[in-house]
């Protein structure tokens, strides 16, 4: 009996190690310098592409992520907020209504429904729109039927994101929204 336990023990330990390696290897992290010495760590799901860009005029950083099938395309731009105007729900709502209001003109939705969420070190808000010009049964290649747009704040900054997809029920959509809501980790420099 004892010998049998020992032969199963190493096998079970190896299986647990392998399972942990698969889970840990399923995602990588990209560190991006954004502004004022701040960095953001972005989780990148396995197989997803990430592209970094810096605006040559403003110096502001943005990233784009997409899943292997291009079912979800996430664009994130990072903005400084030294005055803390985006640190309140009211500030987020005001900017969201101003920036995303233009989407209403070409969407099926005729009013903006905002969804609020808590995020590490701050809060966020998002809304979704369906393109009124597209037929949901015949979406042209390269086009996306739905747009989810939002904001997320932290002390000293905020981000604006747009998530394009053809359905809000896909795994890729959920992963992309999770990246914005809770996956991003902002690292601020230590002051001495």
C-alpha atoms as a PDB file:
ATOM      1  CA  UNK A   1       0.000   0.000   0.000  1.00  0.00           C
ATOM      2  CA  UNK A   2       2.753   2.433   0.929  1.00  0.00           C
ATOM      3  CA  UNK A   3       4.656   1.734  -2.282  1.00  0.00           C
ATOM      4  CA  UNK A   4       1.538   2.405  -4.372  1.00  0.00           C
ATOM      5  CA  UNK A   5       1.046   5.794  -2.641  1.00  0.00           C
ATOM      6  CA  UNK A   6       4.627   6.783  -3.425  1.00  0.00           C
ATOM      7  CA  UNK A   7       4.269   5.897  -7.114  1.00  0.00           C
ATOM      8  CA  UNK A   8       1.067   7.973  -7.416  1.00  0.00           C
ATOM      9  CA  UNK A   9       2.529  10.900  -5.404  1.00  0.00           C
ATOM     10  CA  UNK A  10       5.193  11.954  -7.939  1.00  0.00           C
ATOM     11  CA  UNK A  11       2.722  11.514 -10.800  1.00  0.00           C
ATOM     12  CA  UNK A  12       0.154  13.692  -9.024  1.00  0.00           C
ATOM     13  CA  UNK A  13       2.832  16.286  -8.216  1.00  0.00           C
ATOM     14  CA  UNK A  14       3.978  16.354 -11.843  1.00  0.00           C
ATOM     15  CA  UNK A  15       0.370  16.721 -13.062  1.00  0.00           C
ATOM     16  CA  UNK A  16      -0.221  19.627 -10.643  1.00  0.00           C
ATOM     17  CA  UNK A  17       3.008  21.301 -11.772  1.00  0.00           C
ATOM     18  CA  UNK A  18       2.065  20.839 -15.444  1.00  0.00           C
ATOM     19  CA  UNK A  19      -1.446  22.235 -14.874  1.00  0.00           C
ATOM     20  CA  UNK A  20      -0.014  25.271 -13.085  1.00  0.00           C
ATOM     21  CA  UNK A  21       2.495  25.827 -15.902  1.00  0.00           C
ATOM     22  CA  UNK A  22      -0.282  25.678 -18.501  1.00  0.00           C
ATOM     23  CA  UNK A  23      -2.394  28.198 -16.568  1.00  0.00           C
ATOM     24  CA  UNK A  24       0.546  30.534 -15.930  1.00  0.00           C
ATOM     25  CA  UNK A  25       1.737  30.233 -19.518  1.00  0.00           C
ATOM     26  CA  UNK A  26      -1.711  31.081 -20.837  1.00  0.00           C
ATOM     27  CA  UNK A  27      -1.072  34.767 -20.291  1.00  0.00           C
ATOM     28  CA  UNK A  28       1.880  37.109 -20.501  1.00  0.00           C
ATOM     29  CA  UNK A  29       2.272  40.657 -19.253  1.00  0.00           C
ATOM     30  CA  UNK A  30       3.465  43.700 -21.190  1.00  0.00           C
ATOM     31  CA  UNK A  31       4.835  46.686 -19.274  1.00  0.00           C
ATOM     32  CA  UNK A  32       4.241  50.034 -20.983  1.00  0.00           C
ATOM     33  CA  UNK A  33       5.573  53.458 -19.936  1.00  0.00           C
ATOM     34  CA  UNK A  34       2.679  55.901 -20.154  1.00  0.00           C
ATOM     35  CA  UNK A  35       3.491  59.334 -18.637  1.00  0.00           C
ATOM     36  CA  UNK A  36       5.015  61.091 -15.627  1.00  0.00           C
ATOM     37  CA  UNK A  37       7.071  58.007 -14.774  1.00  0.00           C
ATOM     38  CA  UNK A  38       3.985  55.804 -14.542  1.00  0.00           C
ATOM     39  CA  UNK A  39       3.928  52.355 -16.062  1.00  0.00           C
ATOM     40  CA  UNK A  40       1.045  50.042 -16.734  1.00  0.00           C
ATOM     41  CA  UNK A  41       1.216  46.260 -16.781  1.00  0.00           C
ATOM     42  CA  UNK A  42      -1.168  44.815 -19.341  1.00  0.00           C
ATOM     43  CA  UNK A  43      -2.163  41.142 -19.261  1.00  0.00           C
ATOM     44  CA  UNK A  44      -2.005  39.623 -22.742  1.00  0.00           C
ATOM     45  CA  UNK A  45      -3.995  36.391 -23.150  1.00  0.00           C
ATOM     46  CA  UNK A  46      -2.232  33.541 -24.969  1.00  0.00           C
ATOM     47  CA  UNK A  47      -2.322  33.993 -28.733  1.00  0.00           C
ATOM     48  CA  UNK A  48      -3.447  37.617 -28.575  1.00  0.00           C
ATOM     49  CA  UNK A  49      -1.547  40.354 -30.409  1.00  0.00           C
ATOM     50  CA  UNK A  50      -0.551  43.623 -28.759  1.00  0.00           C
ATOM     51  CA  UNK A  51       0.740  46.737 -30.482  1.00  0.00           C
ATOM     52  CA  UNK A  52       2.071  49.864 -28.748  1.00  0.00           C
ATOM     53  CA  UNK A  53       1.927  53.351 -30.226  1.00  0.00           C
ATOM     54  CA  UNK A  54       3.010  56.770 -29.044  1.00  0.00           C
ATOM     55  CA  UNK A  55       1.416  59.854 -30.571  1.00  0.00           C
ATOM     56  CA  UNK A  56       4.295  61.839 -32.131  1.00  0.00           C
ATOM     57  CA  UNK A  57       2.643  65.198 -31.339  1.00  0.00           C
ATOM     58  CA  UNK A  58       1.376  64.653 -27.784  1.00  0.00           C
ATOM     59  CA  UNK A  59       3.623  61.814 -26.617  1.00  0.00           C
ATOM     60  CA  UNK A  60       0.559  59.993 -25.244  1.00  0.00           C
ATOM     61  CA  UNK A  61       0.732  56.212 -25.270  1.00  0.00           C
ATOM     62  CA  UNK A  62      -1.862  53.817 -26.638  1.00  0.00           C
ATOM     63  CA  UNK A  63      -2.081  50.057 -27.125  1.00  0.00           C
ATOM     64  CA  UNK A  64      -4.196  47.796 -29.279  1.00  0.00           C
ATOM     65  CA  UNK A  65      -4.970  44.175 -28.464  1.00  0.00           C
ATOM     66  CA  UNK A  66      -6.799  41.578 -30.545  1.00  0.00           C
ATOM     67  CA  UNK A  67      -7.593  37.915 -30.127  1.00  0.00           C
ATOM     68  CA  UNK A  68      -6.325  35.348 -32.662  1.00  0.00           C
ATOM     69  CA  UNK A  69      -9.616  35.291 -34.600  1.00  0.00           C
ATOM     70  CA  UNK A  70      -9.929  39.099 -34.543  1.00  0.00           C
ATOM     71  CA  UNK A  71     -13.325  38.670 -32.843  1.00  0.00           C
ATOM     72  CA  UNK A  72     -12.463  41.397 -30.325  1.00  0.00           C
ATOM     73  CA  UNK A  73     -10.321  44.445 -31.014  1.00  0.00           C
ATOM     74  CA  UNK A  74      -9.428  46.554 -27.978  1.00  0.00           C
ATOM     75  CA  UNK A  75      -7.876  50.016 -28.238  1.00  0.00           C
ATOM     76  CA  UNK A  76      -6.686  51.821 -25.074  1.00  0.00           C
ATOM     77  CA  UNK A  77      -5.291  55.363 -24.764  1.00  0.00           C
ATOM     78  CA  UNK A  78      -3.692  56.617 -21.544  1.00  0.00           C
ATOM     79  CA  UNK A  79      -4.250  60.190 -20.342  1.00  0.00           C
ATOM     80  CA  UNK A  80      -2.775  62.163 -17.430  1.00  0.00           C
ATOM     81  CA  UNK A  81      -5.167  63.591 -14.818  1.00  0.00           C
ATOM     82  CA  UNK A  82      -3.068  65.608 -12.390  1.00  0.00           C
ATOM     83  CA  UNK A  83      -6.135  67.599 -11.270  1.00  0.00           C
ATOM     84  CA  UNK A  84      -8.059  64.415 -10.371  1.00  0.00           C
ATOM     85  CA  UNK A  85     -11.117  65.394 -12.416  1.00  0.00           C
ATOM     86  CA  UNK A  86     -11.685  61.753 -13.423  1.00  0.00           C
ATOM     87  CA  UNK A  87     -11.432  60.436  -9.857  1.00  0.00           C
ATOM     88  CA  UNK A  88     -15.179  60.773  -9.229  1.00  0.00           C
ATOM     89  CA  UNK A  89     -18.179  59.041 -10.713  1.00  0.00           C
ATOM     90  CA  UNK A  90     -19.524  62.451 -11.760  1.00  0.00           C
ATOM     91  CA  UNK A  91     -16.303  63.300 -13.595  1.00  0.00           C
ATOM     92  CA  UNK A  92     -16.305  59.965 -15.412  1.00  0.00           C
ATOM     93  CA  UNK A  93     -19.975  60.298 -16.358  1.00  0.00           C
ATOM     94  CA  UNK A  94     -19.568  63.844 -17.657  1.00  0.00           C
ATOM     95  CA  UNK A  95     -16.618  62.914 -19.887  1.00  0.00           C
ATOM     96  CA  UNK A  96     -18.281  59.684 -21.083  1.00  0.00           C
ATOM     97  CA  UNK A  97     -21.451  61.519 -22.133  1.00  0.00           C
ATOM     98  CA  UNK A  98     -19.373  64.166 -23.907  1.00  0.00           C
ATOM     99  CA  UNK A  99     -16.912  61.868 -25.705  1.00  0.00           C
ATOM    100  CA  UNK A 100     -19.208  58.946 -26.529  1.00  0.00           C
ATOM    101  CA  UNK A 101     -22.328  60.981 -27.320  1.00  0.00           C
ATOM    102  CA  UNK A 102     -21.326  61.136 -30.982  1.00  0.00           C
ATOM    103  CA  UNK A 103     -21.803  57.344 -31.248  1.00  0.00           C
ATOM    104  CA  UNK A 104     -25.550  57.771 -30.671  1.00  0.00           C
ATOM    105  CA  UNK A 105     -26.031  59.409 -34.083  1.00  0.00           C
ATOM    106  CA  UNK A 106     -25.153  56.217 -35.972  1.00  0.00           C
ATOM    107  CA  UNK A 107     -26.301  53.592 -33.458  1.00  0.00           C
ATOM    108  CA  UNK A 108     -29.422  51.532 -32.902  1.00  0.00           C
ATOM    109  CA  UNK A 109     -29.517  52.824 -29.314  1.00  0.00           C
ATOM    110  CA  UNK A 110     -31.033  56.265 -28.961  1.00  0.00           C
ATOM    111  CA  UNK A 111     -29.830  56.903 -25.428  1.00  0.00           C
ATOM    112  CA  UNK A 112     -26.622  56.136 -23.576  1.00  0.00           C
ATOM    113  CA  UNK A 113     -26.819  53.513 -20.828  1.00  0.00           C
ATOM    114  CA  UNK A 114     -23.758  53.761 -18.584  1.00  0.00           C
ATOM    115  CA  UNK A 115     -22.431  50.809 -16.588  1.00  0.00           C
ATOM    116  CA  UNK A 116     -20.153  51.683 -13.654  1.00  0.00           C
ATOM    117  CA  UNK A 117     -17.483  49.404 -12.201  1.00  0.00           C
ATOM    118  CA  UNK A 118     -14.855  49.446  -9.462  1.00  0.00           C
ATOM    119  CA  UNK A 119     -11.287  49.022 -10.654  1.00  0.00           C
ATOM    120  CA  UNK A 120      -7.953  48.625  -8.858  1.00  0.00           C
ATOM    121  CA  UNK A 121      -7.080  52.099  -7.556  1.00  0.00           C
ATOM    122  CA  UNK A 122     -10.118  53.782  -9.079  1.00  0.00           C
ATOM    123  CA  UNK A 123     -13.360  53.342 -10.961  1.00  0.00           C
ATOM    124  CA  UNK A 124     -14.697  53.129 -14.469  1.00  0.00           C
ATOM    125  CA  UNK A 125     -17.696  53.409 -16.724  1.00  0.00           C
ATOM    126  CA  UNK A 126     -18.620  51.996 -20.117  1.00  0.00           C
ATOM    127  CA  UNK A 127     -21.459  51.969 -22.609  1.00  0.00           C
ATOM    128  CA  UNK A 128     -22.226  49.949 -25.732  1.00  0.00           C
ATOM    129  CA  UNK A 129     -23.531  50.841 -29.173  1.00  0.00           C
ATOM    130  CA  UNK A 130     -24.792  48.795 -32.129  1.00  0.00           C
ATOM    131  CA  UNK A 131     -24.034  50.149 -35.605  1.00  0.00           C
ATOM    132  CA  UNK A 132     -27.401  50.954 -37.249  1.00  0.00           C
ATOM    133  CA  UNK A 133     -25.864  50.847 -40.744  1.00  0.00           C
ATOM    134  CA  UNK A 134     -24.870  47.166 -40.553  1.00  0.00           C
ATOM    135  CA  UNK A 135     -27.108  44.147 -41.063  1.00  0.00           C
ATOM    136  CA  UNK A 136     -26.421  41.790 -38.121  1.00  0.00           C
ATOM    137  CA  UNK A 137     -26.898  38.791 -40.454  1.00  0.00           C
ATOM    138  CA  UNK A 138     -24.434  40.056 -43.087  1.00  0.00           C
ATOM    139  CA  UNK A 139     -21.553  41.888 -41.458  1.00  0.00           C
ATOM    140  CA  UNK A 140     -18.867  42.736 -44.031  1.00  0.00           C
ATOM    141  CA  UNK A 141     -15.373  41.402 -43.414  1.00  0.00           C
ATOM    142  CA  UNK A 142     -13.313  43.865 -41.395  1.00  0.00           C
ATOM    143  CA  UNK A 143     -16.407  45.557 -39.926  1.00  0.00           C
ATOM    144  CA  UNK A 144     -17.694  45.210 -36.367  1.00  0.00           C
ATOM    145  CA  UNK A 145     -21.344  45.463 -35.354  1.00  0.00           C
ATOM    146  CA  UNK A 146     -20.835  46.569 -31.754  1.00  0.00           C
ATOM    147  CA  UNK A 147     -18.691  49.097 -29.971  1.00  0.00           C
ATOM    148  CA  UNK A 148     -18.170  49.203 -26.217  1.00  0.00           C
ATOM    149  CA  UNK A 149     -16.485  52.424 -25.142  1.00  0.00           C
ATOM    150  CA  UNK A 150     -15.448  53.515 -21.692  1.00  0.00           C
ATOM    151  CA  UNK A 151     -13.153  55.154 -19.202  1.00  0.00           C
ATOM    152  CA  UNK A 152     -11.178  53.905 -16.209  1.00  0.00           C
ATOM    153  CA  UNK A 153      -9.449  56.145 -13.669  1.00  0.00           C
ATOM    154  CA  UNK A 154      -6.668  55.887 -11.091  1.00  0.00           C
ATOM    155  CA  UNK A 155      -4.782  58.496  -9.097  1.00  0.00           C
ATOM    156  CA  UNK A 156      -3.022  60.738 -11.599  1.00  0.00           C
ATOM    157  CA  UNK A 157      -4.518  59.326 -14.782  1.00  0.00           C
ATOM    158  CA  UNK A 158      -7.250  57.647 -16.729  1.00  0.00           C
ATOM    159  CA  UNK A 159      -7.707  55.642 -19.892  1.00  0.00           C
ATOM    160  CA  UNK A 160     -10.185  55.726 -22.726  1.00  0.00           C
ATOM    161  CA  UNK A 161     -10.993  52.424 -24.404  1.00  0.00           C
ATOM    162  CA  UNK A 162     -12.948  51.153 -27.376  1.00  0.00           C
ATOM    163  CA  UNK A 163     -13.772  47.466 -27.776  1.00  0.00           C
ATOM    164  CA  UNK A 164     -15.071  46.421 -31.200  1.00  0.00           C
ATOM    165  CA  UNK A 165     -16.841  43.084 -31.663  1.00  0.00           C
ATOM    166  CA  UNK A 166     -19.795  41.422 -33.355  1.00  0.00           C
ATOM    167  CA  UNK A 167     -21.222  39.988 -30.120  1.00  0.00           C
ATOM    168  CA  UNK A 168     -20.991  40.753 -26.429  1.00  0.00           C
ATOM    169  CA  UNK A 169     -21.460  37.054 -25.630  1.00  0.00           C
ATOM    170  CA  UNK A 170     -18.049  35.819 -26.815  1.00  0.00           C
ATOM    171  CA  UNK A 171     -15.145  34.695 -24.640  1.00  0.00           C
ATOM    172  CA  UNK A 172     -12.883  37.160 -26.487  1.00  0.00           C
ATOM    173  CA  UNK A 173     -15.198  40.082 -25.637  1.00  0.00           C
ATOM    174  CA  UNK A 174     -15.270  39.094 -21.956  1.00  0.00           C
ATOM    175  CA  UNK A 175     -11.467  38.748 -21.800  1.00  0.00           C
ATOM    176  CA  UNK A 176     -10.961  42.151 -23.412  1.00  0.00           C
ATOM    177  CA  UNK A 177     -13.408  43.819 -21.020  1.00  0.00           C
ATOM    178  CA  UNK A 178     -11.712  42.085 -18.062  1.00  0.00           C
ATOM    179  CA  UNK A 179      -8.345  43.453 -19.184  1.00  0.00           C
ATOM    180  CA  UNK A 180      -9.704  46.998 -18.914  1.00  0.00           C
ATOM    181  CA  UNK A 181     -11.816  46.542 -15.774  1.00  0.00           C
ATOM    182  CA  UNK A 182      -9.418  44.653 -13.536  1.00  0.00           C
ATOM    183  CA  UNK A 183      -6.407  43.336 -15.441  1.00  0.00           C
ATOM    184  CA  UNK A 184      -4.399  46.515 -15.972  1.00  0.00           C
ATOM    185  CA  UNK A 185      -2.065  47.397 -13.096  1.00  0.00           C
ATOM    186  CA  UNK A 186      -0.768  50.960 -12.894  1.00  0.00           C
ATOM    187  CA  UNK A 187       2.627  51.404 -11.251  1.00  0.00           C
ATOM    188  CA  UNK A 188       3.426  54.910 -10.041  1.00  0.00           C
ATOM    189  CA  UNK A 189       6.999  55.964  -9.303  1.00  0.00           C
ATOM    190  CA  UNK A 190       8.075  56.097  -5.665  1.00  0.00           C
ATOM    191  CA  UNK A 191       8.746  59.651  -4.508  1.00  0.00           C
ATOM    192  CA  UNK A 192      11.579  60.269  -2.062  1.00  0.00           C
END
